[in-house]
Amino acid sequence: MPVSADAIVDAALELAEQSSWESVRLYAVADHLGADLAAIQAHFREKEELADAWFDRADAAMVAAAAQPEIQALPSSERLHYLIMAWLETLSPHRRVTREMVKGKLEPGHLHVQIPAVLRISRTVQWLREAARRDAGGVHRGLEETVLTSIFVTTFTGWLADGSDGARVTRARLSRLLHGAAWMARWVPGYHHAPQVPALPGAQVEDNERTGAAETRA
């Protein structure tokens, strides 16, 4: 029976939870699945690609989350916050193993792994921009990508070591970073925000009710 790529990744993660990501071997993954190495090779050329597939799951979850109308209706900073946290939450069941994956990519002498890792971060940030409906172009796009990459990497590395309930510390840090970036963007000549997404049905009514209540109190 054919073995799926997802099953291979799940098996590798399960084995890593029992020991470490470093100790996982592809032949052991094959044995765990009752398959042979050819079944693994049909999907992955090397072990590092299993880690990439794990992060691809987070990308997919982030993009799927962006399709929700209530997320599209959020203000830009809140939308980015939700999407980044959705990415992290996908990885949270195997946070320790994820940390070990990242550590392995950063070991000295592994340029063949580190260069693709940089490109992978860039790809995730590109999907983040698309999911958040960012539309800056030219120089402003480059600036936005640089800032978002910095925020994403800072948040991710902090989250890897965050032991707070519900990643409370990470959520607060990310909120500060995004609001700080939004404040600074106001002073960039010619920069504009992503187009507003139409509010959800009833949102305008709620806004009017809040406005009316405020006027009554005044």
Protein backbone atom coordinates (compact mmCIF):
# COMPACT_ATOMS: atom_id res chain seq x y z
CA MET A 1 0.00 0.00 0.00
CA PRO A 2 1.45 3.41 -0.96
CA VAL A 3 2.68 5.62 1.86
CA SER A 4 1.65 9.29 1.74
CA ALA A 5 3.98 12.21 2.33
CA ASP A 6 1.89 13.27 5.33
CA ALA A 7 2.19 9.81 6.88
CA ILE A 8 5.96 9.95 6.48
CA VAL A 9 6.18 13.35 8.17
CA ASP A 10 3.89 12.21 10.99
CA ALA A 11 6.01 9.10 11.54
CA ALA A 12 9.21 11.14 11.64
CA LEU A 13 7.68 13.53 14.17
CA GLU A 14 6.51 10.63 16.32
CA LEU A 15 9.99 9.11 16.35
CA ALA A 16 11.54 12.51 17.11
CA GLU A 17 9.22 12.93 20.09
CA GLN A 18 10.56 9.65 21.46
CA SER A 19 14.17 10.79 21.14
CA SER A 20 15.22 13.81 19.08
CA TRP A 21 15.03 15.14 15.54
CA GLU A 22 18.77 14.66 15.13
CA SER A 23 18.45 10.94 15.87
CA VAL A 24 15.69 10.32 13.31
CA ARG A 25 16.83 8.23 10.35
CA LEU A 26 14.89 7.67 7.17
CA TYR A 27 15.27 3.89 7.37
CA ALA A 28 13.75 4.05 10.87
CA VAL A 29 10.82 6.05 9.50
CA ALA A 30 10.34 3.40 6.82
CA ASP A 31 10.47 0.62 9.41
CA HIS A 32 7.96 2.48 11.59
CA LEU A 33 5.56 2.62 8.65
CA GLY A 34 6.15 -0.98 7.63
CA ALA A 35 7.52 0.24 4.31
CA ASP A 36 10.89 0.33 2.59
CA LEU A 37 13.21 3.23 1.83
CA ALA A 38 11.90 3.46 -1.72
CA ALA A 39 8.55 4.57 -0.29
CA ILE A 40 10.28 7.44 1.50
CA GLN A 41 12.39 8.34 -1.53
CA ALA A 42 9.27 8.58 -3.67
CA HIS A 43 8.30 11.71 -1.71
CA PHE A 44 11.51 13.08 -0.16
CA ARG A 45 15.07 13.29 -1.46
CA GLU A 46 16.56 13.81 2.00
CA LYS A 47 15.61 14.13 5.65
CA GLU A 48 15.73 17.94 5.52
CA GLU A 49 12.78 17.90 3.15
CA LEU A 50 10.66 16.33 5.89
CA ALA A 51 11.29 19.42 8.01
CA ASP A 52 10.35 21.62 5.06
CA ALA A 53 7.12 19.65 4.64
CA TRP A 54 6.35 20.24 8.33
CA PHE A 55 6.69 24.00 7.83
CA ASP A 56 4.65 23.75 4.61
CA ARG A 57 1.78 22.50 6.78
CA ALA A 58 1.97 25.70 8.79
CA ASP A 59 1.93 27.76 5.59
CA ALA A 60 -1.15 25.88 4.41
CA ALA A 61 -2.93 26.39 7.74
CA MET A 62 -2.18 30.10 7.63
CA VAL A 63 -3.57 30.47 4.11
CA ALA A 64 -6.65 28.44 5.03
CA ALA A 65 -7.27 30.65 8.06
CA ALA A 66 -7.16 33.73 5.84
CA ALA A 67 -10.19 32.49 3.89
CA GLN A 68 -12.50 33.01 6.88
CA PRO A 69 -14.68 36.11 6.29
CA GLU A 70 -14.31 37.24 9.90
CA ILE A 71 -10.51 37.23 9.51
CA GLN A 72 -10.66 39.16 6.24
CA ALA A 73 -12.73 41.82 7.99
CA LEU A 74 -10.15 42.43 10.73
CA PRO A 75 -7.96 45.56 10.71
CA SER A 76 -4.60 44.93 9.04
CA SER A 77 -2.50 44.55 12.21
CA GLU A 78 -5.02 42.22 13.83
CA ARG A 79 -5.24 40.15 10.65
CA LEU A 80 -1.46 39.73 10.53
CA HIS A 81 -1.46 38.82 14.22
CA TYR A 82 -4.10 36.14 13.73
CA LEU A 83 -2.36 34.64 10.71
CA ILE A 84 1.09 34.48 12.30
CA MET A 85 -0.36 32.87 15.41
CA ALA A 86 -2.27 30.38 13.22
CA TRP A 87 1.08 29.45 11.65
CA LEU A 88 2.68 28.92 15.04
CA GLU A 89 -0.26 27.01 16.49
CA THR A 90 0.02 24.46 13.69
CA LEU A 91 3.55 23.69 14.89
CA SER A 92 2.74 23.78 18.61
CA PRO A 93 2.01 20.03 19.05
CA HIS A 94 5.69 19.41 18.26
CA ARG A 95 7.33 22.60 19.51
CA ARG A 96 10.42 20.88 20.92
CA VAL A 97 11.02 18.95 17.71
CA THR A 98 10.46 22.13 15.70
CA ARG A 99 13.08 23.86 17.84
CA GLU A 100 15.49 21.01 17.12
CA MET A 101 14.80 21.30 13.39
CA VAL A 102 15.68 24.99 13.46
CA LYS A 103 18.76 24.35 15.58
CA GLY A 104 19.96 21.78 13.06
CA LYS A 105 19.62 24.27 10.23
CA LEU A 106 21.74 26.81 12.12
CA GLU A 107 24.69 24.54 12.87
CA PRO A 108 28.00 25.85 11.44
CA GLY A 109 29.10 24.35 8.15
CA HIS A 110 25.60 23.57 6.91
CA LEU A 111 25.37 26.23 4.20
CA HIS A 112 23.59 23.76 1.93
CA VAL A 113 20.80 23.76 4.53
CA GLN A 114 20.98 27.37 5.68
CA ILE A 115 20.56 29.00 2.27
CA PRO A 116 17.34 27.07 1.50
CA ALA A 117 16.17 27.90 5.04
CA VAL A 118 16.48 31.62 4.30
CA LEU A 119 14.51 31.12 1.09
CA ARG A 120 11.87 29.16 3.02
CA ILE A 121 11.37 32.07 5.44
CA SER A 122 11.01 34.39 2.48
CA ARG A 123 8.38 32.09 0.97
CA THR A 124 6.40 32.01 4.21
CA VAL A 125 6.49 35.81 4.43
CA GLN A 126 5.26 36.03 0.83
CA TRP A 127 2.31 33.81 1.69
CA LEU A 128 1.71 35.88 4.81
CA ARG A 129 1.50 39.05 2.70
CA GLU A 130 -0.90 37.39 0.29
CA ALA A 131 -3.04 35.95 3.08
CA ALA A 132 -3.17 39.34 4.79
CA ARG A 133 -4.05 41.04 1.46
CA ARG A 134 -1.08 43.39 1.48
CA ASP A 135 -0.72 45.26 -1.81
CA ALA A 136 2.29 47.58 -1.45
CA GLY A 137 4.50 47.71 -4.54
CA GLY A 138 7.99 48.79 -5.55
CA VAL A 139 10.21 50.23 -2.83
CA HIS A 140 7.37 50.14 -0.33
CA ARG A 141 6.86 46.44 -0.94
CA GLY A 142 10.53 45.77 -0.26
CA LEU A 143 10.37 47.79 2.95
CA GLU A 144 7.21 46.00 4.05
CA GLU A 145 8.74 42.58 3.35
CA THR A 146 11.84 43.49 5.36
CA VAL A 147 9.78 44.64 8.34
CA LEU A 148 7.43 41.65 8.18
CA THR A 149 10.35 39.24 7.92
CA SER A 150 11.95 40.81 10.99
CA ILE A 151 8.68 40.60 12.93
CA PHE A 152 8.07 37.02 11.81
CA VAL A 153 11.56 35.78 12.69
CA THR A 154 11.57 37.60 16.04
CA THR A 155 8.18 36.15 16.92
CA PHE A 156 9.05 32.64 15.78
CA THR A 157 12.34 32.45 17.67
CA GLY A 158 10.68 33.81 20.80
CA TRP A 159 7.80 31.36 20.48
CA LEU A 160 10.20 28.41 20.31
CA ALA A 161 11.19 29.11 23.92
CA ASP A 162 7.84 30.46 25.16
CA GLY A 163 6.47 28.32 27.98
CA SER A 164 3.59 30.63 28.90
CA ASP A 165 -0.01 29.41 28.81
CA GLY A 166 -1.45 29.75 25.32
CA ALA A 167 1.78 31.41 24.16
CA ARG A 168 0.61 34.53 26.01
CA VAL A 169 4.07 36.11 25.96
CA THR A 170 4.42 35.55 22.22
CA ARG A 171 0.98 37.00 21.52
CA ALA A 172 1.75 40.14 23.50
CA ARG A 173 5.16 40.59 21.87
CA LEU A 174 3.71 40.12 18.38
CA SER A 175 0.98 42.66 19.09
CA ARG A 176 3.56 45.24 20.17
CA LEU A 177 5.72 44.60 17.12
CA LEU A 178 2.82 44.90 14.68
CA HIS A 179 1.41 48.05 16.23
CA GLY A 180 4.87 49.58 16.33
CA ALA A 181 5.34 48.81 12.64
CA ALA A 182 1.93 50.28 11.81
CA TRP A 183 2.79 53.46 13.70
CA MET A 184 6.11 53.85 11.88
CA ALA A 185 4.47 53.18 8.50
CA ARG A 186 2.44 56.37 8.93
CA TRP A 187 5.64 58.37 8.51
CA VAL A 188 6.83 56.66 5.32
CA PRO A 189 6.14 58.99 2.35
CA GLY A 190 3.78 57.48 -0.20
CA TYR A 191 3.07 54.35 1.79
CA HIS A 192 -0.51 53.16 1.94
CA HIS A 193 -2.25 50.34 3.70
CA ALA A 194 -3.77 47.29 2.06
CA PRO A 195 -7.30 47.84 0.69
CA GLN A 196 -10.03 47.55 3.24
CA VAL A 197 -12.10 44.38 3.08
CA PRO A 198 -15.87 44.95 3.26
CA ALA A 199 -17.12 44.58 6.81
CA LEU A 200 -19.11 41.54 7.79
CA PRO A 201 -22.91 41.89 7.68
CA GLY A 202 -24.08 43.72 10.76
CA ALA A 203 -20.70 45.30 11.48
CA GLN A 204 -21.85 48.75 10.35
CA VAL A 205 -24.98 48.45 12.48
CA GLU A 206 -22.83 47.64 15.51
CA ASP A 207 -20.59 50.63 14.73
CA ASN A 208 -23.62 52.91 14.48
CA GLU A 209 -24.99 51.57 17.76
CA ARG A 210 -21.68 52.24 19.50
CA THR A 211 -21.56 55.75 17.99
CA GLY A 212 -25.13 56.46 19.08
CA ALA A 213 -24.43 55.23 22.60
CA ALA A 214 -21.37 57.45 22.83
CA GLU A 215 -23.35 60.49 21.67
CA THR A 216 -26.07 59.73 24.24
CA ARG A 217 -23.51 59.58 27.04
CA ALA A 218 -22.05 62.90 25.87
